[in-house]
Amino acid sequence: MRGKERAQRRAVLIAASTHWLPGPLGSLKFRHAEPNDLFRRSPCDHQDIFILMIPSKFDPRWVPLVKGETNYRFSSAAASMLFFCLRAKLKADNSGAAVQQAVEEAHVFFTKYERTLQPDIRAIFN
């Protein structure tokens, strides 16, 4: 019985980290989030988590952020380092193509690490 309890706890931990929900007989089922859902259920603590929307890379709010015209102190060290490097690149080459490339890099970074950067996304884009 002890091994079965461990397996169930492990299944719940896996479910919590990957948005998989434990199904009958210990199997795991993926819960698909609908595009019209405003809230996603967390399988462990059953709290509602707001799904943030990152603006498209064509949104004009990206340009001042990348150029450094918007003074914002990121809560994530990785985001701070990324924007430091992007601003250094733009000091050397401030052409429209370089700015667009920097915006695309920032957009990819924010999309990839959306869950980690939630406080920053709320503060910058809302």
C-alpha atoms as a PDB file:
ATOM      1  CA  MET A   1       0.000   0.000   0.000  1.00  0.00           C
ATOM      2  CA  ARG A   2       2.886   2.357   0.736  1.00  0.00           C
ATOM      3  CA  GLY A   3       4.225   2.095  -2.823  1.00  0.00           C
ATOM      4  CA  LYS A   4       0.790   2.805  -4.269  1.00  0.00           C
ATOM      5  CA  GLU A   5       0.458   5.980  -2.160  1.00  0.00           C
ATOM      6  CA  ARG A   6       3.874   7.147  -3.373  1.00  0.00           C
ATOM      7  CA  ALA A   7       2.868   6.520  -6.975  1.00  0.00           C
ATOM      8  CA  GLN A   8      -0.339   8.521  -6.500  1.00  0.00           C
ATOM      9  CA  ARG A   9       1.582  11.423  -4.896  1.00  0.00           C
ATOM     10  CA  ARG A  10       4.089  11.331  -7.737  1.00  0.00           C
ATOM     11  CA  ALA A  11       1.226  11.385 -10.260  1.00  0.00           C
ATOM     12  CA  VAL A  12      -0.254  14.444  -8.545  1.00  0.00           C
ATOM     13  CA  LEU A  13       3.142  16.208  -8.578  1.00  0.00           C
ATOM     14  CA  ILE A  14       3.589  15.416 -12.262  1.00  0.00           C
ATOM     15  CA  ALA A  15       0.051  16.616 -12.890  1.00  0.00           C
ATOM     16  CA  ALA A  16       0.721  19.872 -11.040  1.00  0.00           C
ATOM     17  CA  SER A  17       3.854  20.647 -12.997  1.00  0.00           C
ATOM     18  CA  THR A  18       2.546  19.801 -16.464  1.00  0.00           C
ATOM     19  CA  HIS A  19      -1.211  20.500 -16.266  1.00  0.00           C
ATOM     20  CA  TRP A  20      -2.055  16.840 -16.521  1.00  0.00           C
ATOM     21  CA  LEU A  21      -4.907  15.598 -14.388  1.00  0.00           C
ATOM     22  CA  PRO A  22      -4.886  12.198 -12.656  1.00  0.00           C
ATOM     23  CA  GLY A  23      -7.521   9.936 -14.158  1.00  0.00           C
ATOM     24  CA  PRO A  24      -9.075   6.661 -13.033  1.00  0.00           C
ATOM     25  CA  LEU A  25      -6.762   3.791 -12.054  1.00  0.00           C
ATOM     26  CA  GLY A  26      -3.733   6.054 -11.844  1.00  0.00           C
ATOM     27  CA  SER A  27      -3.666   6.950 -15.542  1.00  0.00           C
ATOM     28  CA  LEU A  28      -3.003  10.543 -16.548  1.00  0.00           C
ATOM     29  CA  LYS A  29      -5.207  12.532 -18.882  1.00  0.00           C
ATOM     30  CA  PHE A  30      -4.358  15.874 -20.469  1.00  0.00           C
ATOM     31  CA  ARG A  31      -6.807  18.678 -19.741  1.00  0.00           C
ATOM     32  CA  HIS A  32      -7.052  20.765 -22.871  1.00  0.00           C
ATOM     33  CA  ALA A  33      -7.526  24.481 -22.229  1.00  0.00           C
ATOM     34  CA  GLU A  34     -10.062  25.975 -24.576  1.00  0.00           C
ATOM     35  CA  PRO A  35      -9.108  29.260 -26.259  1.00  0.00           C
ATOM     36  CA  ASN A  36     -12.149  30.981 -24.743  1.00  0.00           C
ATOM     37  CA  ASP A  37     -11.257  29.916 -21.182  1.00  0.00           C
ATOM     38  CA  LEU A  38     -10.314  32.834 -18.974  1.00  0.00           C
ATOM     39  CA  PHE A  39      -9.212  30.666 -16.094  1.00  0.00           C
ATOM     40  CA  ARG A  40      -7.238  27.449 -15.829  1.00  0.00           C
ATOM     41  CA  ARG A  41      -7.687  25.029 -12.949  1.00  0.00           C
ATOM     42  CA  SER A  42      -4.648  23.980 -10.978  1.00  0.00           C
ATOM     43  CA  PRO A  43      -4.883  20.250 -10.204  1.00  0.00           C
ATOM     44  CA  CYS A  44      -3.205  20.443  -6.779  1.00  0.00           C
ATOM     45  CA  ASP A  45      -4.714  23.357  -4.921  1.00  0.00           C
ATOM     46  CA  HIS A  46      -7.725  23.995  -7.166  1.00  0.00           C
ATOM     47  CA  GLN A  47      -7.088  27.710  -7.405  1.00  0.00           C
ATOM     48  CA  ASP A  48      -7.906  29.704 -10.491  1.00  0.00           C
ATOM     49  CA  ILE A  49      -4.880  31.008 -12.389  1.00  0.00           C
ATOM     50  CA  PHE A  50      -5.391  33.846 -14.836  1.00  0.00           C
ATOM     51  CA  ILE A  51      -4.018  33.158 -18.303  1.00  0.00           C
ATOM     52  CA  LEU A  52      -1.998  36.155 -19.437  1.00  0.00           C
ATOM     53  CA  MET A  53      -1.912  37.257 -23.022  1.00  0.00           C
ATOM     54  CA  ILE A  54       1.396  38.449 -24.408  1.00  0.00           C
ATOM     55  CA  PRO A  55       0.832  41.134 -27.051  1.00  0.00           C
ATOM     56  CA  SER A  56       1.933  40.398 -30.600  1.00  0.00           C
ATOM     57  CA  LYS A  57       5.387  41.431 -31.708  1.00  0.00           C
ATOM     58  CA  PHE A  58       3.790  44.194 -33.786  1.00  0.00           C
ATOM     59  CA  ASP A  59       2.408  45.901 -30.667  1.00  0.00           C
ATOM     60  CA  PRO A  60       4.014  49.384 -30.319  1.00  0.00           C
ATOM     61  CA  ARG A  61       4.671  48.849 -26.584  1.00  0.00           C
ATOM     62  CA  TRP A  62       7.609  46.538 -27.389  1.00  0.00           C
ATOM     63  CA  VAL A  63       9.773  49.198 -29.084  1.00  0.00           C
ATOM     64  CA  PRO A  64      10.253  51.579 -26.109  1.00  0.00           C
ATOM     65  CA  LEU A  65      10.786  48.576 -23.833  1.00  0.00           C
ATOM     66  CA  VAL A  66      13.530  47.159 -26.051  1.00  0.00           C
ATOM     67  CA  LYS A  67      15.167  50.531 -26.695  1.00  0.00           C
ATOM     68  CA  GLY A  68      15.302  51.337 -22.975  1.00  0.00           C
ATOM     69  CA  GLU A  69      12.945  54.300 -23.155  1.00  0.00           C
ATOM     70  CA  THR A  70      10.668  52.538 -20.672  1.00  0.00           C
ATOM     71  CA  ASN A  71      12.410  52.229 -17.330  1.00  0.00           C
ATOM     72  CA  TYR A  72      11.255  48.970 -15.805  1.00  0.00           C
ATOM     73  CA  ARG A  73      13.055  46.820 -13.252  1.00  0.00           C
ATOM     74  CA  PHE A  74      12.391  43.154 -14.062  1.00  0.00           C
ATOM     75  CA  SER A  75      11.779  40.659 -11.267  1.00  0.00           C
ATOM     76  CA  SER A  76      13.626  37.985 -13.258  1.00  0.00           C
ATOM     77  CA  ALA A  77      17.401  38.170 -13.619  1.00  0.00           C
ATOM     78  CA  ALA A  78      17.236  36.408 -16.988  1.00  0.00           C
ATOM     79  CA  ALA A  79      14.874  39.055 -18.381  1.00  0.00           C
ATOM     80  CA  SER A  80      17.127  41.813 -17.063  1.00  0.00           C
ATOM     81  CA  MET A  81      20.146  40.260 -18.770  1.00  0.00           C
ATOM     82  CA  LEU A  82      18.250  39.784 -22.039  1.00  0.00           C
ATOM     83  CA  PHE A  83      17.139  43.402 -22.177  1.00  0.00           C
ATOM     84  CA  PHE A  84      20.620  44.603 -21.186  1.00  0.00           C
ATOM     85  CA  CYS A  85      22.069  42.680 -24.157  1.00  0.00           C
ATOM     86  CA  LEU A  86      19.326  43.881 -26.521  1.00  0.00           C
ATOM     87  CA  ARG A  87      19.898  47.502 -25.528  1.00  0.00           C
ATOM     88  CA  ALA A  88      23.654  47.100 -26.001  1.00  0.00           C
ATOM     89  CA  LYS A  89      23.064  45.716 -29.515  1.00  0.00           C
ATOM     90  CA  LEU A  90      20.753  48.623 -30.319  1.00  0.00           C
ATOM     91  CA  LYS A  91      23.345  51.159 -29.180  1.00  0.00           C
ATOM     92  CA  ALA A  92      25.687  49.797 -31.835  1.00  0.00           C
ATOM     93  CA  ASP A  93      23.023  49.521 -34.569  1.00  0.00           C
ATOM     94  CA  ASN A  94      19.781  51.479 -34.157  1.00  0.00           C
ATOM     95  CA  SER A  95      18.294  50.667 -37.582  1.00  0.00           C
ATOM     96  CA  GLY A  96      14.684  49.601 -38.010  1.00  0.00           C
ATOM     97  CA  ALA A  97      15.700  46.023 -38.850  1.00  0.00           C
ATOM     98  CA  ALA A  98      17.802  45.755 -35.682  1.00  0.00           C
ATOM     99  CA  VAL A  99      14.943  47.096 -33.557  1.00  0.00           C
ATOM    100  CA  GLN A 100      12.510  44.623 -35.147  1.00  0.00           C
ATOM    101  CA  GLN A 101      14.943  41.747 -34.525  1.00  0.00           C
ATOM    102  CA  ALA A 102      15.306  42.800 -30.880  1.00  0.00           C
ATOM    103  CA  VAL A 103      11.517  42.952 -30.501  1.00  0.00           C
ATOM    104  CA  GLU A 104      11.232  39.452 -31.979  1.00  0.00           C
ATOM    105  CA  GLU A 105      13.872  38.125 -29.555  1.00  0.00           C
ATOM    106  CA  ALA A 106      12.051  39.691 -26.603  1.00  0.00           C
ATOM    107  CA  HIS A 107       8.692  38.352 -27.807  1.00  0.00           C
ATOM    108  CA  VAL A 108      10.085  34.805 -28.157  1.00  0.00           C
ATOM    109  CA  PHE A 109      11.616  35.040 -24.676  1.00  0.00           C
ATOM    110  CA  PHE A 110       8.369  36.278 -23.092  1.00  0.00           C
ATOM    111  CA  THR A 111       6.366  33.600 -24.901  1.00  0.00           C
ATOM    112  CA  LYS A 112       8.718  30.823 -23.824  1.00  0.00           C
ATOM    113  CA  TYR A 113       8.905  31.895 -20.173  1.00  0.00           C
ATOM    114  CA  GLU A 114       5.377  33.273 -19.782  1.00  0.00           C
ATOM    115  CA  ARG A 115       4.705  31.496 -16.490  1.00  0.00           C
ATOM    116  CA  THR A 116       7.918  32.746 -14.883  1.00  0.00           C
ATOM    117  CA  LEU A 117       7.462  36.311 -16.120  1.00  0.00           C
ATOM    118  CA  GLN A 118       3.810  36.733 -15.093  1.00  0.00           C
ATOM    119  CA  PRO A 119       4.411  39.640 -12.671  1.00  0.00           C
ATOM    120  CA  ASP A 120       6.467  41.484 -15.285  1.00  0.00           C
ATOM    121  CA  ILE A 121       3.884  40.878 -18.027  1.00  0.00           C
ATOM    122  CA  ARG A 122       1.117  42.233 -15.796  1.00  0.00           C
ATOM    123  CA  ALA A 123       3.117  45.334 -14.877  1.00  0.00           C
ATOM    124  CA  ILE A 124       4.332  46.136 -18.411  1.00  0.00           C
ATOM    125  CA  PHE A 125       1.390  45.290 -20.637  1.00  0.00           C
ATOM    126  CA  ASN A 126      -1.695  45.797 -18.453  1.00  0.00           C
END
